[in-house]
Amino acid sequence: MSETIRVLDKGYVEFVDLLGGDEAAVRAARISYMSKSDPKKDDNLIDLLMRLGHESPFEHIVFTFHIKAPIFVARQWMRHRMASVNERSGRFTEFDEEFYLPEEKRVGIPVDLMRESMERSFENYKKLISSGVKKEVARMILPLSIYTEWYWTINVRSMMNFLNQRADSHAQYEIQQYAVKIADFFKMKCPITYDSFLRNAYKGDLLRERL
């Protein structure tokens, strides 16, 4: 799998870094009894932790991602506060003309009006900046569909909570698409923990459909 997965029309999820892995959760759990790792039993230990809801050992597995998504997706995403986030600044950088435009079948009507509104707002944004208005003021007229970027560092315990809520059909469609890509990296980098999460602790539905 590529280390960058495309999402929506212009977005992506990029895997950046991983601290620990399946073995990190095992080490953290075994310190309670001062026991040593046993490859024949470690998978069962992860299952036991998941089933009983003893999730603190999974905080020792930490992912970092680079995300590009529409601002309205970012604002939903950042409700999950148990993570470290650094986002592109609209005060210090000028936004590119990159908007998310949903497919017509999702909207139910032609999207021409949405496209025209987005293009007009960006045209006026550029005019304001050209006339000397500060970027931090000019950005106020931009729509929530414009793309932003951020780094997201999160431990697996918190990431599982994110997946329970966002990799689910009750979440908004757009953030669902990002959540399942986060799950793809989780599965690739920590396969034992991911498999146990899916069998024992996952409360959503989208990831089950992908088994």
C-alpha atoms as a PDB file:
ATOM      1  CA  MET A   1       0.000   0.000   0.000  1.00  0.00           C
ATOM      2  CA  SER A   2       1.195   3.517  -0.788  1.00  0.00           C
ATOM      3  CA  GLU A   3       2.062   5.737   2.161  1.00  0.00           C
ATOM      4  CA  THR A   4      -0.430   8.275   0.762  1.00  0.00           C
ATOM      5  CA  ILE A   5      -4.062   7.420  -0.001  1.00  0.00           C
ATOM      6  CA  ARG A   6      -6.238   9.772  -2.043  1.00  0.00           C
ATOM      7  CA  VAL A   7      -9.584  10.775  -0.537  1.00  0.00           C
ATOM      8  CA  LEU A   8     -12.512  12.655  -2.119  1.00  0.00           C
ATOM      9  CA  ASP A   9     -11.600  14.790  -5.145  1.00  0.00           C
ATOM     10  CA  LYS A  10      -8.436  16.550  -3.929  1.00  0.00           C
ATOM     11  CA  GLY A  11      -7.708  15.249  -0.424  1.00  0.00           C
ATOM     12  CA  TYR A  12      -5.470  12.567   1.026  1.00  0.00           C
ATOM     13  CA  VAL A  13      -4.272  10.750   4.126  1.00  0.00           C
ATOM     14  CA  GLU A  14      -0.488  10.398   4.315  1.00  0.00           C
ATOM     15  CA  PHE A  15       1.177   8.097   6.828  1.00  0.00           C
ATOM     16  CA  VAL A  16       4.107   9.966   8.400  1.00  0.00           C
ATOM     17  CA  ASP A  17       5.360   8.097  11.459  1.00  0.00           C
ATOM     18  CA  LEU A  18       4.667   5.330  13.970  1.00  0.00           C
ATOM     19  CA  LEU A  19       5.973   5.086  17.513  1.00  0.00           C
ATOM     20  CA  GLY A  20       5.684   1.519  18.741  1.00  0.00           C
ATOM     21  CA  GLY A  21       3.489  -1.168  17.220  1.00  0.00           C
ATOM     22  CA  ASP A  22       1.630  -4.263  18.379  1.00  0.00           C
ATOM     23  CA  GLU A  23       4.571  -5.131  20.623  1.00  0.00           C
ATOM     24  CA  ALA A  24       4.416  -1.737  22.385  1.00  0.00           C
ATOM     25  CA  ALA A  25       0.952  -2.490  23.770  1.00  0.00           C
ATOM     26  CA  VAL A  26       2.133  -5.915  24.937  1.00  0.00           C
ATOM     27  CA  ARG A  27       5.159  -4.443  26.738  1.00  0.00           C
ATOM     28  CA  ALA A  28       3.025  -1.832  28.458  1.00  0.00           C
ATOM     29  CA  ALA A  29       0.475  -4.404  29.603  1.00  0.00           C
ATOM     30  CA  ARG A  30       3.020  -6.912  30.906  1.00  0.00           C
ATOM     31  CA  ILE A  31       4.702  -4.392  33.197  1.00  0.00           C
ATOM     32  CA  SER A  32       1.682  -4.705  35.516  1.00  0.00           C
ATOM     33  CA  TYR A  33       2.769  -8.224  36.455  1.00  0.00           C
ATOM     34  CA  MET A  34       6.453  -7.827  35.565  1.00  0.00           C
ATOM     35  CA  SER A  35       6.017 -10.631  33.026  1.00  0.00           C
ATOM     36  CA  LYS A  36       8.001 -11.084  29.825  1.00  0.00           C
ATOM     37  CA  SER A  37       6.776 -11.184  26.253  1.00  0.00           C
ATOM     38  CA  ASP A  38       5.773 -14.611  24.981  1.00  0.00           C
ATOM     39  CA  PRO A  39       5.090 -14.738  21.216  1.00  0.00           C
ATOM     40  CA  LYS A  40       2.725 -17.674  21.753  1.00  0.00           C
ATOM     41  CA  LYS A  41       0.586 -15.672  24.186  1.00  0.00           C
ATOM     42  CA  ASP A  42       0.961 -12.037  23.086  1.00  0.00           C
ATOM     43  CA  ASP A  43      -1.894 -12.167  20.555  1.00  0.00           C
ATOM     44  CA  ASN A  44      -4.193 -13.601  23.221  1.00  0.00           C
ATOM     45  CA  LEU A  45      -3.139 -10.852  25.617  1.00  0.00           C
ATOM     46  CA  ILE A  46      -4.135  -8.168  23.105  1.00  0.00           C
ATOM     47  CA  ASP A  47      -7.499  -9.907  22.671  1.00  0.00           C
ATOM     48  CA  LEU A  48      -7.991 -10.028  26.430  1.00  0.00           C
ATOM     49  CA  LEU A  49      -7.234  -6.325  26.807  1.00  0.00           C
ATOM     50  CA  MET A  50      -9.722  -5.478  24.058  1.00  0.00           C
ATOM     51  CA  ARG A  51     -12.487  -7.684  25.425  1.00  0.00           C
ATOM     52  CA  LEU A  52     -12.154  -6.345  28.964  1.00  0.00           C
ATOM     53  CA  GLY A  53     -11.805  -2.720  27.871  1.00  0.00           C
ATOM     54  CA  HIS A  54      -8.333  -2.355  29.392  1.00  0.00           C
ATOM     55  CA  GLU A  55      -7.199   0.090  26.727  1.00  0.00           C
ATOM     56  CA  SER A  56      -4.417   2.128  28.365  1.00  0.00           C
ATOM     57  CA  PRO A  57      -1.636  -0.126  26.920  1.00  0.00           C
ATOM     58  CA  PHE A  58      -2.750   0.942  23.434  1.00  0.00           C
ATOM     59  CA  GLU A  59      -1.817   4.521  24.270  1.00  0.00           C
ATOM     60  CA  HIS A  60       1.798   3.424  23.787  1.00  0.00           C
ATOM     61  CA  ILE A  61       1.222   3.032  20.034  1.00  0.00           C
ATOM     62  CA  VAL A  62       1.284   6.471  18.410  1.00  0.00           C
ATOM     63  CA  PHE A  63       0.594   7.374  14.767  1.00  0.00           C
ATOM     64  CA  THR A  64       1.285  10.619  12.911  1.00  0.00           C
ATOM     65  CA  PHE A  65      -0.608  11.464   9.718  1.00  0.00           C
ATOM     66  CA  HIS A  66      -0.627  14.370   7.283  1.00  0.00           C
ATOM     67  CA  ILE A  67      -4.224  15.091   6.297  1.00  0.00           C
ATOM     68  CA  LYS A  68      -5.652  17.208   3.490  1.00  0.00           C
ATOM     69  CA  ALA A  69      -9.411  17.680   3.723  1.00  0.00           C
ATOM     70  CA  PRO A  70     -12.165  20.285   3.364  1.00  0.00           C
ATOM     71  CA  ILE A  71     -12.467  22.634   6.332  1.00  0.00           C
ATOM     72  CA  PHE A  72     -15.898  21.281   7.308  1.00  0.00           C
ATOM     73  CA  VAL A  73     -14.347  17.804   7.609  1.00  0.00           C
ATOM     74  CA  ALA A  74     -11.446  19.216   9.633  1.00  0.00           C
ATOM     75  CA  ARG A  75     -13.813  20.847  12.128  1.00  0.00           C
ATOM     76  CA  GLN A  76     -15.652  17.570  12.714  1.00  0.00           C
ATOM     77  CA  TRP A  77     -12.306  15.775  12.986  1.00  0.00           C
ATOM     78  CA  MET A  78     -10.954  18.118  15.645  1.00  0.00           C
ATOM     79  CA  ARG A  79     -13.827  17.376  17.984  1.00  0.00           C
ATOM     80  CA  HIS A  80     -11.687  14.331  18.805  1.00  0.00           C
ATOM     81  CA  ARG A  81      -9.471  16.275  21.167  1.00  0.00           C
ATOM     82  CA  MET A  82      -7.205  13.506  22.488  1.00  0.00           C
ATOM     83  CA  ALA A  83      -4.650  14.149  19.751  1.00  0.00           C
ATOM     84  CA  SER A  84      -2.008  16.693  18.773  1.00  0.00           C
ATOM     85  CA  VAL A  85      -2.887  18.894  15.798  1.00  0.00           C
ATOM     86  CA  ASN A  86      -0.965  21.506  13.838  1.00  0.00           C
ATOM     87  CA  GLU A  87      -2.927  23.013  10.956  1.00  0.00           C
ATOM     88  CA  ARG A  88      -2.030  25.213   8.027  1.00  0.00           C
ATOM     89  CA  SER A  89      -2.515  28.883   8.910  1.00  0.00           C
ATOM     90  CA  GLY A  90      -4.864  31.038   6.862  1.00  0.00           C
ATOM     91  CA  ARG A  91      -3.298  34.082   8.502  1.00  0.00           C
ATOM     92  CA  PHE A  92       0.178  33.443   7.157  1.00  0.00           C
ATOM     93  CA  THR A  93      -0.470  31.515   3.924  1.00  0.00           C
ATOM     94  CA  GLU A  94      -2.711  32.260   0.979  1.00  0.00           C
ATOM     95  CA  PHE A  95      -5.222  29.526   0.232  1.00  0.00           C
ATOM     96  CA  ASP A  96      -5.162  27.747  -3.107  1.00  0.00           C
ATOM     97  CA  GLU A  97      -8.294  27.554  -5.225  1.00  0.00           C
ATOM     98  CA  GLU A  98      -9.082  24.013  -4.140  1.00  0.00           C
ATOM     99  CA  PHE A  99     -12.663  23.303  -3.193  1.00  0.00           C
ATOM    100  CA  TYR A 100     -14.444  20.053  -2.494  1.00  0.00           C
ATOM    101  CA  LEU A 101     -17.348  19.656  -4.878  1.00  0.00           C
ATOM    102  CA  PRO A 102     -19.583  16.673  -4.092  1.00  0.00           C
ATOM    103  CA  GLU A 103     -20.883  14.459  -6.850  1.00  0.00           C
ATOM    104  CA  GLU A 104     -24.327  15.338  -8.134  1.00  0.00           C
ATOM    105  CA  LYS A 105     -25.728  11.965  -7.073  1.00  0.00           C
ATOM    106  CA  ARG A 106     -24.830  12.834  -3.465  1.00  0.00           C
ATOM    107  CA  VAL A 107     -26.451  16.287  -3.630  1.00  0.00           C
ATOM    108  CA  GLY A 108     -29.481  15.209  -5.644  1.00  0.00           C
ATOM    109  CA  ILE A 109     -29.402  18.262  -7.914  1.00  0.00           C
ATOM    110  CA  PRO A 110     -26.867  19.777 -10.341  1.00  0.00           C
ATOM    111  CA  VAL A 111     -23.900  21.247  -8.460  1.00  0.00           C
ATOM    112  CA  ASP A 112     -23.451  24.241 -10.777  1.00  0.00           C
ATOM    113  CA  LEU A 113     -24.756  26.697  -8.179  1.00  0.00           C
ATOM    114  CA  MET A 114     -22.331  25.347  -5.571  1.00  0.00           C
ATOM    115  CA  ARG A 115     -19.415  25.574  -7.999  1.00  0.00           C
ATOM    116  CA  GLU A 116     -20.288  29.139  -9.020  1.00  0.00           C
ATOM    117  CA  SER A 117     -20.591  30.233  -5.395  1.00  0.00           C
ATOM    118  CA  MET A 118     -17.206  28.733  -4.498  1.00  0.00           C
ATOM    119  CA  GLU A 119     -15.473  30.248  -7.513  1.00  0.00           C
ATOM    120  CA  ARG A 120     -16.989  33.664  -6.843  1.00  0.00           C
ATOM    121  CA  SER A 121     -15.895  33.631  -3.220  1.00  0.00           C
ATOM    122  CA  PHE A 122     -12.323  32.760  -4.197  1.00  0.00           C
ATOM    123  CA  GLU A 123     -12.274  35.468  -6.866  1.00  0.00           C
ATOM    124  CA  ASN A 124     -13.337  38.023  -4.250  1.00  0.00           C
ATOM    125  CA  TYR A 125     -10.775  36.605  -1.795  1.00  0.00           C
ATOM    126  CA  LYS A 126      -8.009  37.257  -4.337  1.00  0.00           C
ATOM    127  CA  LYS A 127      -9.329  40.753  -5.017  1.00  0.00           C
ATOM    128  CA  LEU A 128      -9.301  41.605  -1.317  1.00  0.00           C
ATOM    129  CA  ILE A 129      -5.700  40.444  -0.924  1.00  0.00           C
ATOM    130  CA  SER A 130      -4.646  42.336  -4.060  1.00  0.00           C
ATOM    131  CA  SER A 131      -6.214  45.493  -2.648  1.00  0.00           C
ATOM    132  CA  GLY A 132      -4.134  45.205   0.517  1.00  0.00           C
ATOM    133  CA  VAL A 133      -6.524  43.414   2.865  1.00  0.00           C
ATOM    134  CA  LYS A 134      -4.692  41.068   5.230  1.00  0.00           C
ATOM    135  CA  LYS A 135      -5.027  37.355   4.537  1.00  0.00           C
ATOM    136  CA  GLU A 136      -6.446  36.799   8.026  1.00  0.00           C
ATOM    137  CA  VAL A 137      -9.343  39.110   7.127  1.00  0.00           C
ATOM    138  CA  ALA A 138      -9.811  38.153   3.479  1.00  0.00           C
ATOM    139  CA  ARG A 139     -10.207  34.462   4.375  1.00  0.00           C
ATOM    140  CA  MET A 140     -13.462  35.229   6.194  1.00  0.00           C
ATOM    141  CA  ILE A 141     -15.417  35.046   2.938  1.00  0.00           C
ATOM    142  CA  LEU A 142     -14.141  31.597   1.936  1.00  0.00           C
ATOM    143  CA  PRO A 143     -16.535  28.625   2.162  1.00  0.00           C
ATOM    144  CA  LEU A 144     -16.134  25.581   4.397  1.00  0.00           C
ATOM    145  CA  SER A 145     -15.501  23.469   1.300  1.00  0.00           C
ATOM    146  CA  ILE A 146     -11.988  24.881   0.785  1.00  0.00           C
ATOM    147  CA  TYR A 147      -9.169  22.445   1.526  1.00  0.00           C
ATOM    148  CA  THR A 148      -6.877  22.739   4.520  1.00  0.00           C
ATOM    149  CA  GLU A 149      -4.021  20.557   5.782  1.00  0.00           C
ATOM    150  CA  TRP A 150      -2.795  19.444   9.193  1.00  0.00           C
ATOM    151  CA  TYR A 151      -0.590  16.985  11.045  1.00  0.00           C
ATOM    152  CA  TRP A 152      -2.455  14.636  13.369  1.00  0.00           C
ATOM    153  CA  THR A 153      -0.598  12.683  16.059  1.00  0.00           C
ATOM    154  CA  ILE A 154      -2.754  10.266  18.027  1.00  0.00           C
ATOM    155  CA  ASN A 155      -2.394   7.180  20.185  1.00  0.00           C
ATOM    156  CA  VAL A 156      -4.254   4.051  19.172  1.00  0.00           C
ATOM    157  CA  ARG A 157      -6.654   4.134  22.117  1.00  0.00           C
ATOM    158  CA  SER A 158      -7.930   7.520  20.952  1.00  0.00           C
ATOM    159  CA  MET A 159      -7.771   6.467  17.307  1.00  0.00           C
ATOM    160  CA  MET A 160     -10.050   3.508  18.013  1.00  0.00           C
ATOM    161  CA  ASN A 161     -12.574   5.939  19.492  1.00  0.00           C
ATOM    162  CA  PHE A 162     -12.286   8.046  16.328  1.00  0.00           C
ATOM    163  CA  LEU A 163     -12.947   4.975  14.175  1.00  0.00           C
ATOM    164  CA  ASN A 164     -15.907   3.898  16.291  1.00  0.00           C
ATOM    165  CA  GLN A 165     -17.580   7.230  15.643  1.00  0.00           C
ATOM    166  CA  ARG A 166     -16.419   8.187  12.159  1.00  0.00           C
ATOM    167  CA  ALA A 167     -15.996   4.841  10.368  1.00  0.00           C
ATOM    168  CA  ASP A 168     -19.717   4.396  10.736  1.00  0.00           C
ATOM    169  CA  SER A 169     -22.703   5.040   8.490  1.00  0.00           C
ATOM    170  CA  HIS A 170     -24.130   7.554  10.988  1.00  0.00           C
ATOM    171  CA  ALA A 171     -21.181   9.900  10.383  1.00  0.00           C
ATOM    172  CA  GLN A 172     -21.197  12.367   7.501  1.00  0.00           C
ATOM    173  CA  TYR A 173     -20.204  10.714   4.232  1.00  0.00           C
ATOM    174  CA  GLU A 174     -17.076  12.796   3.674  1.00  0.00           C
ATOM    175  CA  ILE A 175     -15.439  12.067   7.023  1.00  0.00           C
ATOM    176  CA  GLN A 176     -16.380   8.397   6.637  1.00  0.00           C
ATOM    177  CA  GLN A 177     -14.096   8.278   3.602  1.00  0.00           C
ATOM    178  CA  TYR A 178     -11.158   9.571   5.626  1.00  0.00           C
ATOM    179  CA  ALA A 179     -11.860   7.293   8.583  1.00  0.00           C
ATOM    180  CA  VAL A 180     -11.720   4.107   6.525  1.00  0.00           C
ATOM    181  CA  LYS A 181      -8.356   5.221   5.098  1.00  0.00           C
ATOM    182  CA  ILE A 182      -7.027   5.770   8.627  1.00  0.00           C
ATOM    183  CA  ALA A 183      -8.226   2.230   9.357  1.00  0.00           C
ATOM    184  CA  ASP A 184      -6.305   0.939   6.328  1.00  0.00           C
ATOM    185  CA  PHE A 185      -3.048   2.288   7.774  1.00  0.00           C
ATOM    186  CA  PHE A 186      -3.942   0.946  11.227  1.00  0.00           C
ATOM    187  CA  LYS A 187      -4.447  -2.509   9.702  1.00  0.00           C
ATOM    188  CA  MET A 188      -1.201  -2.322   7.731  1.00  0.00           C
ATOM    189  CA  LYS A 189       1.026  -1.072  10.571  1.00  0.00           C
ATOM    190  CA  CYS A 190      -0.520  -2.864  13.587  1.00  0.00           C
ATOM    191  CA  PRO A 191      -2.310  -5.902  12.143  1.00  0.00           C
ATOM    192  CA  ILE A 192      -2.746  -7.825  15.407  1.00  0.00           C
ATOM    193  CA  THR A 193      -4.175  -4.882  17.329  1.00  0.00           C
ATOM    194  CA  TYR A 194      -6.389  -3.887  14.401  1.00  0.00           C
ATOM    195  CA  ASP A 195      -7.804  -7.392  14.019  1.00  0.00           C
ATOM    196  CA  SER A 196      -8.544  -7.612  17.728  1.00  0.00           C
ATOM    197  CA  PHE A 197     -10.163  -4.164  17.711  1.00  0.00           C
ATOM    198  CA  LEU A 198     -12.442  -5.192  14.863  1.00  0.00           C
ATOM    199  CA  ARG A 199     -13.505  -8.418  16.576  1.00  0.00           C
ATOM    200  CA  ASN A 200     -13.806  -7.171  20.148  1.00  0.00           C
ATOM    201  CA  ALA A 201     -14.220  -3.399  20.423  1.00  0.00           C
ATOM    202  CA  TYR A 202     -15.374  -1.879  17.134  1.00  0.00           C
ATOM    203  CA  LYS A 203     -18.886  -0.408  17.422  1.00  0.00           C
ATOM    204  CA  GLY A 204     -19.367   0.892  13.881  1.00  0.00           C
ATOM    205  CA  ASP A 205     -20.400  -0.816  10.664  1.00  0.00           C
ATOM    206  CA  LEU A 206     -18.273   0.372   7.725  1.00  0.00           C
ATOM    207  CA  LEU A 207     -15.143  -1.586   8.621  1.00  0.00           C
ATOM    208  CA  ARG A 208     -17.106  -4.801   9.067  1.00  0.00           C
ATOM    209  CA  GLU A 209     -18.365  -4.436   5.510  1.00  0.00           C
ATOM    210  CA  ARG A 210     -14.732  -4.380   4.316  1.00  0.00           C
ATOM    211  CA  LEU A 211     -13.713  -7.674   5.966  1.00  0.00           C
END
